Amino acid sequence: MEGMKPVKIFSCADRVDADMITETLNDRGIPAYSESKGSGDYMNIYMGTSMFGNDIYVNEKDEDRAKEIVAVLTMPSDANSDAADIEIPARSLDRRIRVVRIISLLAAVLMVIGAVVPSVVNIFFG
């Protein structure tokens, strides 16, 4: 088995964009990963965001195909209608929406519990 020869194909402004692009590439069968620039990893941990951005890497043999997919993903929405030859699966978008809805529901439930439980405890105990 041959090792991966990473090639940088794209730079993103933030980790969220990089994660979405790498997930789409992985869904299309192209192994990809993102790496923070400079001290971006430390900034992500400390501040929750980084001003340095992220670079996306793929294997050298997948470079051309990955660049085509990234070009379609990063086109303005009105230009995307012209790029029908590269199909991006809708199931990954549906999965992302479902995950966001579940996280939002859990956050709302935890917020209600955090607001109600102290009041109930105060009523019963005091």
N, C-alpha and C. Protein backbone atom coordinates (compact mmCIF):
# COMPACT_ATOMS: atom_id res chain seq x y z
N MET A 1 0.84 -1.18 0.00
CA MET A 1 0.00 0.00 0.00
C MET A 1 0.89 1.24 0.00
N GLU A 2 0.58 2.14 -0.85
CA GLU A 2 1.37 3.35 -1.05
C GLU A 2 0.91 4.44 -0.09
N GLY A 3 1.85 5.23 0.42
CA GLY A 3 1.51 6.32 1.34
C GLY A 3 0.92 7.51 0.60
N MET A 4 0.25 8.33 1.35
CA MET A 4 -0.38 9.52 0.78
C MET A 4 0.67 10.60 0.58
N LYS A 5 0.64 11.23 -0.59
CA LYS A 5 1.49 12.39 -0.87
C LYS A 5 0.58 13.61 -0.87
N PRO A 6 0.49 14.32 0.28
CA PRO A 6 -0.48 15.41 0.38
C PRO A 6 -0.12 16.61 -0.50
N VAL A 7 -1.17 17.17 -1.10
CA VAL A 7 -1.05 18.35 -1.95
C VAL A 7 -2.12 19.34 -1.49
N LYS A 8 -1.72 20.59 -1.27
CA LYS A 8 -2.68 21.62 -0.88
C LYS A 8 -3.48 22.03 -2.10
N ILE A 9 -4.83 21.96 -1.95
CA ILE A 9 -5.67 22.31 -3.10
C ILE A 9 -6.50 23.56 -2.86
N PHE A 10 -6.67 23.97 -1.59
CA PHE A 10 -7.55 25.10 -1.33
C PHE A 10 -7.25 25.66 0.06
N SER A 11 -7.50 26.96 0.22
CA SER A 11 -7.40 27.61 1.53
C SER A 11 -8.74 28.22 1.88
N CYS A 12 -9.18 27.99 3.11
CA CYS A 12 -10.46 28.50 3.59
C CYS A 12 -10.23 29.56 4.66
N ALA A 13 -11.22 30.40 4.83
CA ALA A 13 -11.13 31.45 5.84
C ALA A 13 -11.32 30.91 7.24
N ASP A 14 -12.12 29.85 7.39
CA ASP A 14 -12.37 29.31 8.73
C ASP A 14 -12.52 27.79 8.71
N ARG A 15 -12.57 27.23 9.91
CA ARG A 15 -12.60 25.78 10.07
C ARG A 15 -13.92 25.18 9.59
N VAL A 16 -15.02 25.92 9.73
CA VAL A 16 -16.33 25.39 9.32
C VAL A 16 -16.34 25.13 7.81
N ASP A 17 -15.88 26.09 7.03
CA ASP A 17 -15.81 25.89 5.58
C ASP A 17 -14.90 24.72 5.23
N ALA A 18 -13.77 24.64 5.90
CA ALA A 18 -12.82 23.56 5.64
C ALA A 18 -13.44 22.21 5.97
N ASP A 19 -14.18 22.12 7.08
CA ASP A 19 -14.82 20.86 7.46
C ASP A 19 -15.88 20.45 6.44
N MET A 20 -16.66 21.41 5.95
CA MET A 20 -17.69 21.08 4.96
C MET A 20 -17.06 20.59 3.66
N ILE A 21 -16.00 21.24 3.23
CA ILE A 21 -15.35 20.83 1.98
C ILE A 21 -14.69 19.47 2.13
N THR A 22 -13.97 19.24 3.23
CA THR A 22 -13.32 17.94 3.41
C THR A 22 -14.35 16.82 3.55
N GLU A 23 -15.47 17.10 4.20
CA GLU A 23 -16.51 16.07 4.32
C GLU A 23 -17.09 15.73 2.94
N THR A 24 -17.31 16.75 2.12
CA THR A 24 -17.83 16.51 0.77
C THR A 24 -16.83 15.71 -0.06
N LEU A 25 -15.55 16.06 0.04
CA LEU A 25 -14.53 15.30 -0.69
C LEU A 25 -14.48 13.86 -0.21
N ASN A 26 -14.54 13.65 1.10
CA ASN A 26 -14.53 12.29 1.63
C ASN A 26 -15.77 11.51 1.18
N ASP A 27 -16.94 12.18 1.12
CA ASP A 27 -18.16 11.53 0.63
C ASP A 27 -18.02 11.11 -0.84
N ARG A 28 -17.22 11.84 -1.60
CA ARG A 28 -17.01 11.54 -3.02
C ARG A 28 -15.87 10.54 -3.23
N GLY A 29 -15.31 10.00 -2.14
CA GLY A 29 -14.27 8.99 -2.25
C GLY A 29 -12.86 9.54 -2.36
N ILE A 30 -12.69 10.81 -2.04
CA ILE A 30 -11.36 11.43 -2.09
C ILE A 30 -10.90 11.69 -0.66
N PRO A 31 -9.90 10.96 -0.18
CA PRO A 31 -9.40 11.22 1.18
C PRO A 31 -8.85 12.65 1.28
N ALA A 32 -9.36 13.40 2.25
CA ALA A 32 -8.95 14.79 2.40
C ALA A 32 -8.90 15.13 3.89
N TYR A 33 -8.07 16.13 4.21
CA TYR A 33 -8.02 16.64 5.57
C TYR A 33 -7.68 18.12 5.53
N SER A 34 -8.01 18.81 6.63
CA SER A 34 -7.68 20.23 6.71
C SER A 34 -6.69 20.45 7.84
N GLU A 35 -5.89 21.49 7.69
CA GLU A 35 -4.87 21.81 8.67
C GLU A 35 -4.87 23.32 8.88
N SER A 36 -4.84 23.74 10.13
CA SER A 36 -4.81 25.17 10.43
C SER A 36 -3.47 25.76 10.05
N LYS A 37 -3.51 26.99 9.59
CA LYS A 37 -2.28 27.70 9.25
C LYS A 37 -1.67 28.29 10.52
N GLY A 38 -0.37 28.39 10.55
CA GLY A 38 0.31 29.04 11.66
C GLY A 38 -0.07 28.46 13.00
N SER A 39 -0.43 29.33 13.93
CA SER A 39 -0.85 28.89 15.26
C SER A 39 -2.37 28.80 15.35
N GLY A 40 -3.01 28.49 14.23
CA GLY A 40 -4.47 28.43 14.16
C GLY A 40 -5.09 27.40 15.09
N ASP A 41 -4.42 26.26 15.30
CA ASP A 41 -4.96 25.25 16.21
C ASP A 41 -5.07 25.79 17.63
N TYR A 42 -4.06 26.52 18.07
CA TYR A 42 -4.10 27.11 19.40
C TYR A 42 -5.19 28.16 19.50
N MET A 43 -5.36 28.94 18.45
CA MET A 43 -6.41 29.96 18.45
C MET A 43 -7.79 29.31 18.46
N ASN A 44 -7.96 28.19 17.75
CA ASN A 44 -9.24 27.49 17.75
C ASN A 44 -9.58 26.98 19.15
N ILE A 45 -8.58 26.49 19.86
CA ILE A 45 -8.82 25.98 21.21
C ILE A 45 -9.10 27.13 22.17
N TYR A 46 -8.30 28.16 22.11
CA TYR A 46 -8.39 29.26 23.08
C TYR A 46 -9.57 30.18 22.79
N MET A 47 -9.75 30.58 21.54
CA MET A 47 -10.76 31.57 21.18
C MET A 47 -12.01 30.96 20.51
N GLY A 48 -11.91 29.72 20.05
CA GLY A 48 -13.03 29.13 19.33
C GLY A 48 -13.00 29.43 17.84
N THR A 49 -12.10 30.27 17.42
CA THR A 49 -11.95 30.61 16.01
C THR A 49 -10.51 31.04 15.75
N SER A 50 -10.15 31.08 14.50
CA SER A 50 -8.78 31.45 14.16
C SER A 50 -8.80 32.44 13.00
N MET A 51 -7.93 33.41 13.04
CA MET A 51 -7.85 34.37 11.94
C MET A 51 -6.88 33.90 10.87
N PHE A 52 -6.24 32.77 11.08
CA PHE A 52 -5.24 32.27 10.15
C PHE A 52 -5.81 31.44 9.01
N GLY A 53 -7.00 30.84 9.20
CA GLY A 53 -7.61 30.03 8.16
C GLY A 53 -7.11 28.60 8.16
N ASN A 54 -7.61 27.81 7.21
CA ASN A 54 -7.27 26.40 7.08
C ASN A 54 -6.90 26.07 5.65
N ASP A 55 -5.98 25.14 5.48
CA ASP A 55 -5.62 24.62 4.17
C ASP A 55 -6.20 23.22 4.04
N ILE A 56 -6.64 22.87 2.84
CA ILE A 56 -7.20 21.54 2.58
C ILE A 56 -6.20 20.77 1.72
N TYR A 57 -5.94 19.53 2.13
CA TYR A 57 -4.98 18.66 1.45
C TYR A 57 -5.66 17.38 0.98
N VAL A 58 -5.24 16.91 -0.19
CA VAL A 58 -5.69 15.62 -0.72
C VAL A 58 -4.46 14.88 -1.25
N ASN A 59 -4.67 13.63 -1.61
CA ASN A 59 -3.59 12.85 -2.20
C ASN A 59 -3.27 13.40 -3.58
N GLU A 60 -2.02 13.33 -3.95
CA GLU A 60 -1.54 13.88 -5.22
C GLU A 60 -2.32 13.34 -6.42
N LYS A 61 -2.67 12.06 -6.38
CA LYS A 61 -3.37 11.45 -7.53
C LYS A 61 -4.82 11.93 -7.64
N ASP A 62 -5.41 12.46 -6.56
CA ASP A 62 -6.79 12.95 -6.57
C ASP A 62 -6.89 14.46 -6.75
N GLU A 63 -5.77 15.11 -6.99
CA GLU A 63 -5.73 16.58 -7.00
C GLU A 63 -6.68 17.20 -8.01
N ASP A 64 -6.66 16.74 -9.26
CA ASP A 64 -7.48 17.36 -10.30
C ASP A 64 -8.97 17.22 -10.01
N ARG A 65 -9.38 16.02 -9.66
CA ARG A 65 -10.80 15.78 -9.36
C ARG A 65 -11.24 16.59 -8.15
N ALA A 66 -10.40 16.66 -7.13
CA ALA A 66 -10.73 17.41 -5.92
C ALA A 66 -10.86 18.90 -6.23
N LYS A 67 -9.97 19.43 -7.07
CA LYS A 67 -10.05 20.84 -7.43
C LYS A 67 -11.34 21.15 -8.18
N GLU A 68 -11.80 20.22 -9.02
CA GLU A 68 -13.07 20.42 -9.73
C GLU A 68 -14.23 20.49 -8.75
N ILE A 69 -14.24 19.59 -7.78
CA ILE A 69 -15.33 19.57 -6.80
C ILE A 69 -15.30 20.82 -5.94
N VAL A 70 -14.12 21.23 -5.52
CA VAL A 70 -14.00 22.45 -4.71
C VAL A 70 -14.43 23.67 -5.52
N ALA A 71 -14.11 23.69 -6.80
CA ALA A 71 -14.52 24.81 -7.65
C ALA A 71 -16.03 24.90 -7.72
N VAL A 72 -16.70 23.76 -7.82
CA VAL A 72 -18.17 23.77 -7.85
C VAL A 72 -18.73 24.22 -6.51
N LEU A 73 -18.13 23.75 -5.43
CA LEU A 73 -18.62 24.11 -4.10
C LEU A 73 -18.44 25.58 -3.77
N THR A 74 -17.40 26.19 -4.31
CA THR A 74 -17.10 27.58 -3.95
C THR A 74 -17.58 28.59 -4.98
N MET A 75 -18.27 28.12 -6.02
CA MET A 75 -18.84 29.05 -7.01
C MET A 75 -19.99 29.82 -6.39
N PRO A 76 -20.25 31.04 -6.86
CA PRO A 76 -21.46 31.74 -6.44
C PRO A 76 -22.69 30.91 -6.82
N SER A 77 -23.76 31.04 -6.09
CA SER A 77 -24.92 30.17 -6.27
C SER A 77 -25.53 30.28 -7.66
N ASP A 78 -25.50 31.44 -8.31
CA ASP A 78 -26.07 31.55 -9.66
C ASP A 78 -25.20 30.84 -10.70
N ALA A 79 -23.92 30.69 -10.44
CA ALA A 79 -23.03 29.99 -11.37
C ALA A 79 -23.11 28.48 -11.18
N ASN A 80 -23.58 28.00 -10.04
CA ASN A 80 -23.67 26.56 -9.78
C ASN A 80 -24.61 25.86 -10.75
N SER A 81 -25.59 26.56 -11.30
CA SER A 81 -26.53 25.92 -12.21
C SER A 81 -25.84 25.48 -13.51
N ASP A 82 -24.75 26.12 -13.88
CA ASP A 82 -24.01 25.76 -15.09
C ASP A 82 -23.11 24.55 -14.89
N ALA A 83 -22.84 24.18 -13.66
CA ALA A 83 -21.89 23.09 -13.38
C ALA A 83 -22.63 21.80 -13.05
N ALA A 84 -23.45 21.34 -13.96
CA ALA A 84 -24.25 20.14 -13.72
C ALA A 84 -23.46 18.86 -13.94
N ASP A 85 -22.27 18.94 -14.52
CA ASP A 85 -21.50 17.74 -14.82
C ASP A 85 -20.88 17.11 -13.58
N ILE A 86 -20.70 17.87 -12.49
CA ILE A 86 -20.16 17.32 -11.24
C ILE A 86 -21.30 17.31 -10.23
N GLU A 87 -21.67 16.10 -9.85
CA GLU A 87 -22.82 15.95 -8.97
C GLU A 87 -22.37 15.86 -7.51
N ILE A 88 -22.92 16.73 -6.66
CA ILE A 88 -22.64 16.70 -5.23
C ILE A 88 -23.84 16.05 -4.57
N PRO A 89 -23.65 14.99 -3.78
CA PRO A 89 -24.79 14.27 -3.22
C PRO A 89 -25.61 15.13 -2.26
N ALA A 90 -26.93 15.08 -2.42
CA ALA A 90 -27.83 15.84 -1.56
C ALA A 90 -27.93 15.21 -0.18
N ARG A 91 -27.60 13.93 -0.07
CA ARG A 91 -27.74 13.27 1.23
C ARG A 91 -26.81 13.85 2.28
N SER A 92 -25.63 14.33 1.87
CA SER A 92 -24.73 14.92 2.85
C SER A 92 -25.30 16.24 3.37
N LEU A 93 -25.98 17.01 2.50
CA LEU A 93 -26.63 18.24 2.94
C LEU A 93 -27.79 17.92 3.88
N ASP A 94 -28.60 16.90 3.55
CA ASP A 94 -29.70 16.50 4.42
C ASP A 94 -29.20 16.06 5.78
N ARG A 95 -28.09 15.34 5.79
CA ARG A 95 -27.51 14.87 7.04
C ARG A 95 -27.04 16.05 7.89
N ARG A 96 -26.43 17.03 7.26
CA ARG A 96 -25.97 18.22 7.99
C ARG A 96 -27.14 18.98 8.60
N ILE A 97 -28.21 19.14 7.82
CA ILE A 97 -29.39 19.84 8.34
C ILE A 97 -29.98 19.09 9.52
N ARG A 98 -30.05 17.77 9.41
CA ARG A 98 -30.59 16.96 10.50
C ARG A 98 -29.74 17.10 11.77
N VAL A 99 -28.41 17.10 11.60
CA VAL A 99 -27.51 17.25 12.75
C VAL A 99 -27.69 18.63 13.40
N VAL A 100 -27.81 19.68 12.59
CA VAL A 100 -28.01 21.02 13.12
C VAL A 100 -29.32 21.11 13.88
N ARG A 101 -30.37 20.49 13.36
CA ARG A 101 -31.67 20.50 14.06
C ARG A 101 -31.60 19.77 15.39
N ILE A 102 -30.92 18.63 15.42
CA ILE A 102 -30.80 17.87 16.66
C ILE A 102 -30.00 18.66 17.69
N ILE A 103 -28.91 19.26 17.28
CA ILE A 103 -28.10 20.05 18.20
C ILE A 103 -28.89 21.25 18.73
N SER A 104 -29.66 21.89 17.85
CA SER A 104 -30.48 23.03 18.28
C SER A 104 -31.54 22.59 19.28
N LEU A 105 -32.18 21.44 19.03
CA LEU A 105 -33.18 20.93 19.96
C LEU A 105 -32.56 20.61 21.31
N LEU A 106 -31.40 19.96 21.31
CA LEU A 106 -30.73 19.65 22.57
C LEU A 106 -30.34 20.92 23.33
N ALA A 107 -29.87 21.92 22.62
CA ALA A 107 -29.51 23.19 23.26
C ALA A 107 -30.73 23.85 23.88
N ALA A 108 -31.86 23.82 23.17
CA ALA A 108 -33.09 24.41 23.71
C ALA A 108 -33.57 23.65 24.95
N VAL A 109 -33.51 22.33 24.92
CA VAL A 109 -33.94 21.53 26.07
C VAL A 109 -33.03 21.81 27.26
N LEU A 110 -31.73 21.86 27.05
CA LEU A 110 -30.81 22.15 28.15
C LEU A 110 -31.01 23.55 28.71
N MET A 111 -31.35 24.49 27.86
CA MET A 111 -31.59 25.85 28.32
C MET A 111 -32.85 25.91 29.18
N VAL A 112 -33.90 25.20 28.76
CA VAL A 112 -35.13 25.16 29.55
C VAL A 112 -34.88 24.47 30.89
N ILE A 113 -34.16 23.37 30.86
CA ILE A 113 -33.84 22.68 32.12
C ILE A 113 -33.03 23.58 33.03
N GLY A 114 -32.07 24.28 32.48
CA GLY A 114 -31.25 25.19 33.28
C GLY A 114 -32.05 26.33 33.88
N ALA A 115 -33.14 26.73 33.23
CA ALA A 115 -33.97 27.81 33.74
C ALA A 115 -35.01 27.31 34.73
N VAL A 116 -35.54 26.12 34.52
CA VAL A 116 -36.65 25.61 35.33
C VAL A 116 -36.16 24.92 36.60
N VAL A 117 -35.14 24.11 36.53
CA VAL A 117 -34.70 23.31 37.67
C VAL A 117 -34.33 24.18 38.88
N PRO A 118 -33.57 25.25 38.73
CA PRO A 118 -33.27 26.06 39.92
C PRO A 118 -34.52 26.66 40.56
N SER A 119 -35.50 27.03 39.75
CA SER A 119 -36.74 27.58 40.29
C SER A 119 -37.51 26.51 41.06
N VAL A 120 -37.59 25.32 40.53
CA VAL A 120 -38.30 24.23 41.21
C VAL A 120 -37.59 23.86 42.51
N VAL A 121 -36.29 23.79 42.48
CA VAL A 121 -35.53 23.49 43.69
C VAL A 121 -35.75 24.57 44.74
N ASN A 122 -35.77 25.81 44.30
CA ASN A 122 -36.00 26.93 45.21
C ASN A 122 -37.39 26.87 45.83
N ILE A 123 -38.39 26.47 45.07
CA ILE A 123 -39.76 26.35 45.58
C ILE A 123 -39.85 25.27 46.64
N PHE A 124 -39.28 24.11 46.37
CA PHE A 124 -39.40 22.99 47.31
C PHE A 124 -38.48 23.09 48.52
N PHE A 125 -37.29 23.62 48.34
CA PHE A 125 -36.33 23.62 49.42
C PHE A 125 -36.01 25.02 49.96
N GLY A 126 -36.71 25.99 49.42
CA GLY A 126 -36.50 27.17 49.87
C GLY A 126 -36.31 28.46 50.12
